[in-house]
Amino acid sequence: MNHPEWIMVPWAVFAVGLALKVWQFGSALKRHLTGTTPSIDQFRQILERTWKQEATEDSTWRT
């Protein structure tokens, strides 16, 4: 192997993924502990935005 530093790429990807999961878990835990939950209308808007994003991602994937 001419470039042994390439072995660090999978570890970097793993570290970034783990950091994102920890951040997501921490923010969910903080929301739960502080009791700030979105109202029904806010939650519905969040779901609708997510569905629209997924629908556009699905349609661009198929073409």
N, C-alpha and C. Protein backbone atom coordinates (compact mmCIF):
# COMPACT_ATOMS: atom_id res chain seq x y z
N MET A 1 0.85 -1.19 0.00
CA MET A 1 0.00 0.00 0.00
C MET A 1 0.88 1.24 0.00
N ASN A 2 0.62 2.09 -0.96
CA ASN A 2 1.42 3.30 -1.07
C ASN A 2 0.93 4.41 -0.15
N HIS A 3 -0.36 4.40 0.17
CA HIS A 3 -0.95 5.48 0.97
C HIS A 3 -1.71 4.89 2.16
N PRO A 4 -1.02 4.62 3.25
CA PRO A 4 -1.71 4.01 4.40
C PRO A 4 -2.68 4.95 5.09
N GLU A 5 -2.65 6.24 4.77
CA GLU A 5 -3.59 7.17 5.42
C GLU A 5 -5.03 6.95 4.96
N TRP A 6 -5.24 6.21 3.86
CA TRP A 6 -6.59 5.93 3.38
C TRP A 6 -7.38 5.08 4.37
N ILE A 7 -6.69 4.39 5.27
CA ILE A 7 -7.38 3.58 6.27
C ILE A 7 -8.17 4.48 7.24
N MET A 8 -7.82 5.76 7.28
CA MET A 8 -8.51 6.70 8.18
C MET A 8 -9.86 7.16 7.62
N VAL A 9 -10.10 7.00 6.32
CA VAL A 9 -11.35 7.47 5.72
C VAL A 9 -12.56 6.76 6.32
N PRO A 10 -12.59 5.43 6.43
CA PRO A 10 -13.76 4.79 7.05
C PRO A 10 -13.96 5.21 8.51
N TRP A 11 -12.86 5.41 9.21
CA TRP A 11 -12.98 5.86 10.60
C TRP A 11 -13.55 7.27 10.68
N ALA A 12 -13.17 8.11 9.75
CA ALA A 12 -13.71 9.48 9.73
C ALA A 12 -15.21 9.45 9.43
N VAL A 13 -15.63 8.62 8.49
CA VAL A 13 -17.05 8.50 8.16
C VAL A 13 -17.82 7.99 9.38
N PHE A 14 -17.26 6.99 10.04
CA PHE A 14 -17.89 6.45 11.25
C PHE A 14 -18.00 7.53 12.33
N ALA A 15 -16.94 8.31 12.53
CA ALA A 15 -16.94 9.34 13.57
C ALA A 15 -17.99 10.41 13.28
N VAL A 16 -18.11 10.81 12.02
CA VAL A 16 -19.11 11.83 11.66
C VAL A 16 -20.52 11.28 11.89
N GLY A 17 -20.76 10.05 11.47
CA GLY A 17 -22.07 9.44 11.68
C GLY A 17 -22.42 9.32 13.15
N LEU A 18 -21.44 8.90 13.95
CA LEU A 18 -21.67 8.78 15.39
C LEU A 18 -21.94 10.14 16.02
N ALA A 19 -21.21 11.15 15.60
CA ALA A 19 -21.42 12.50 16.14
C ALA A 19 -22.83 13.00 15.81
N LEU A 20 -23.30 12.74 14.60
CA LEU A 20 -24.65 13.16 14.23
C LEU A 20 -25.71 12.44 15.05
N LYS A 21 -25.51 11.15 15.29
CA LYS A 21 -26.48 10.39 16.09
C LYS A 21 -26.49 10.87 17.54
N VAL A 22 -25.32 11.13 18.08
CA VAL A 22 -25.24 11.61 19.46
C VAL A 22 -25.91 12.98 19.57
N TRP A 23 -25.67 13.85 18.58
CA TRP A 23 -26.29 15.17 18.59
C TRP A 23 -27.81 15.04 18.50
N GLN A 24 -28.28 14.16 17.64
CA GLN A 24 -29.73 13.95 17.48
C GLN A 24 -30.33 13.41 18.78
N PHE A 25 -29.68 12.45 19.38
CA PHE A 25 -30.17 11.88 20.64
C PHE A 25 -30.16 12.93 21.74
N GLY A 26 -29.10 13.71 21.81
CA GLY A 26 -28.99 14.74 22.83
C GLY A 26 -30.06 15.81 22.70
N SER A 27 -30.33 16.23 21.46
CA SER A 27 -31.36 17.25 21.28
C SER A 27 -32.74 16.69 21.61
N ALA A 28 -32.99 15.42 21.26
CA ALA A 28 -34.28 14.81 21.61
C ALA A 28 -34.42 14.68 23.12
N LEU A 29 -33.34 14.30 23.78
CA LEU A 29 -33.37 14.19 25.23
C LEU A 29 -33.59 15.55 25.87
N LYS A 30 -32.94 16.57 25.35
CA LYS A 30 -33.10 17.92 25.91
C LYS A 30 -34.54 18.40 25.73
N ARG A 31 -35.12 18.13 24.56
CA ARG A 31 -36.52 18.52 24.34
C ARG A 31 -37.44 17.79 25.31
N HIS A 32 -37.15 16.52 25.55
CA HIS A 32 -37.98 15.73 26.46
C HIS A 32 -37.85 16.24 27.89
N LEU A 33 -36.64 16.56 28.30
CA LEU A 33 -36.43 17.00 29.68
C LEU A 33 -36.98 18.40 29.93
N THR A 34 -36.91 19.27 28.92
CA THR A 34 -37.41 20.63 29.11
C THR A 34 -38.91 20.71 28.88
N GLY A 35 -39.47 19.67 28.28
CA GLY A 35 -40.91 19.64 28.09
C GLY A 35 -41.38 20.49 26.93
N THR A 36 -40.48 20.87 26.03
CA THR A 36 -40.89 21.67 24.88
C THR A 36 -41.22 20.73 23.73
N THR A 37 -42.47 20.42 23.61
CA THR A 37 -42.92 19.59 22.50
C THR A 37 -43.70 20.47 21.54
N PRO A 38 -43.61 20.19 20.25
CA PRO A 38 -44.35 21.02 19.29
C PRO A 38 -45.86 20.80 19.42
N SER A 39 -46.60 21.82 19.06
CA SER A 39 -48.05 21.68 19.07
C SER A 39 -48.46 20.75 17.93
N ILE A 40 -49.71 20.39 17.90
CA ILE A 40 -50.23 19.50 16.86
C ILE A 40 -50.01 20.11 15.47
N ASP A 41 -50.29 21.40 15.34
CA ASP A 41 -50.12 22.06 14.04
C ASP A 41 -48.65 22.11 13.63
N GLN A 42 -47.76 22.40 14.58
CA GLN A 42 -46.33 22.42 14.25
C GLN A 42 -45.85 21.02 13.85
N PHE A 43 -46.31 20.02 14.57
CA PHE A 43 -45.93 18.64 14.26
C PHE A 43 -46.43 18.23 12.88
N ARG A 44 -47.66 18.63 12.54
CA ARG A 44 -48.22 18.32 11.23
C ARG A 44 -47.41 18.99 10.13
N GLN A 45 -47.01 20.25 10.35
CA GLN A 45 -46.20 20.95 9.35
C GLN A 45 -44.84 20.28 9.17
N ILE A 46 -44.25 19.83 10.25
CA ILE A 46 -42.97 19.13 10.17
C ILE A 46 -43.12 17.85 9.36
N LEU A 47 -44.18 17.08 9.64
CA LEU A 47 -44.42 15.85 8.89
C LEU A 47 -44.65 16.12 7.41
N GLU A 48 -45.45 17.15 7.11
CA GLU A 48 -45.73 17.45 5.71
C GLU A 48 -44.47 17.87 4.97
N ARG A 49 -43.59 18.65 5.61
CA ARG A 49 -42.32 19.03 4.98
C ARG A 49 -41.45 17.80 4.73
N THR A 50 -41.41 16.91 5.70
CA THR A 50 -40.62 15.69 5.55
C THR A 50 -41.15 14.84 4.42
N TRP A 51 -42.47 14.70 4.33
CA TRP A 51 -43.07 13.90 3.26
C TRP A 51 -42.79 14.52 1.90
N LYS A 52 -42.87 15.86 1.80
CA LYS A 52 -42.58 16.51 0.53
C LYS A 52 -41.13 16.29 0.12
N GLN A 53 -40.21 16.39 1.09
CA GLN A 53 -38.80 16.17 0.79
C GLN A 53 -38.58 14.74 0.33
N GLU A 54 -39.19 13.79 1.01
CA GLU A 54 -39.04 12.39 0.62
C GLU A 54 -39.65 12.14 -0.75
N ALA A 55 -40.77 12.78 -1.03
CA ALA A 55 -41.42 12.58 -2.34
C ALA A 55 -40.53 13.13 -3.45
N THR A 56 -39.91 14.28 -3.25
CA THR A 56 -39.04 14.83 -4.28
C THR A 56 -37.77 13.99 -4.41
N GLU A 57 -37.25 13.46 -3.32
CA GLU A 57 -36.08 12.61 -3.40
C GLU A 57 -36.41 11.31 -4.12
N ASP A 58 -37.59 10.75 -3.86
CA ASP A 58 -38.00 9.52 -4.53
C ASP A 58 -38.18 9.76 -6.02
N SER A 59 -38.79 10.87 -6.40
CA SER A 59 -39.03 11.12 -7.81
C SER A 59 -37.73 11.40 -8.55
N THR A 60 -36.77 12.05 -7.93
CA THR A 60 -35.49 12.28 -8.61
C THR A 60 -34.68 11.01 -8.66
N TRP A 61 -34.88 10.10 -7.73
CA TRP A 61 -34.14 8.84 -7.73
C TRP A 61 -34.60 7.94 -8.87
N ARG A 62 -35.89 7.96 -9.16
CA ARG A 62 -36.43 7.07 -10.19
C ARG A 62 -36.07 7.53 -11.60
N THR A 63 -35.85 8.82 -11.79
CA THR A 63 -35.57 9.30 -13.15
C THR A 63 -34.11 9.22 -13.47
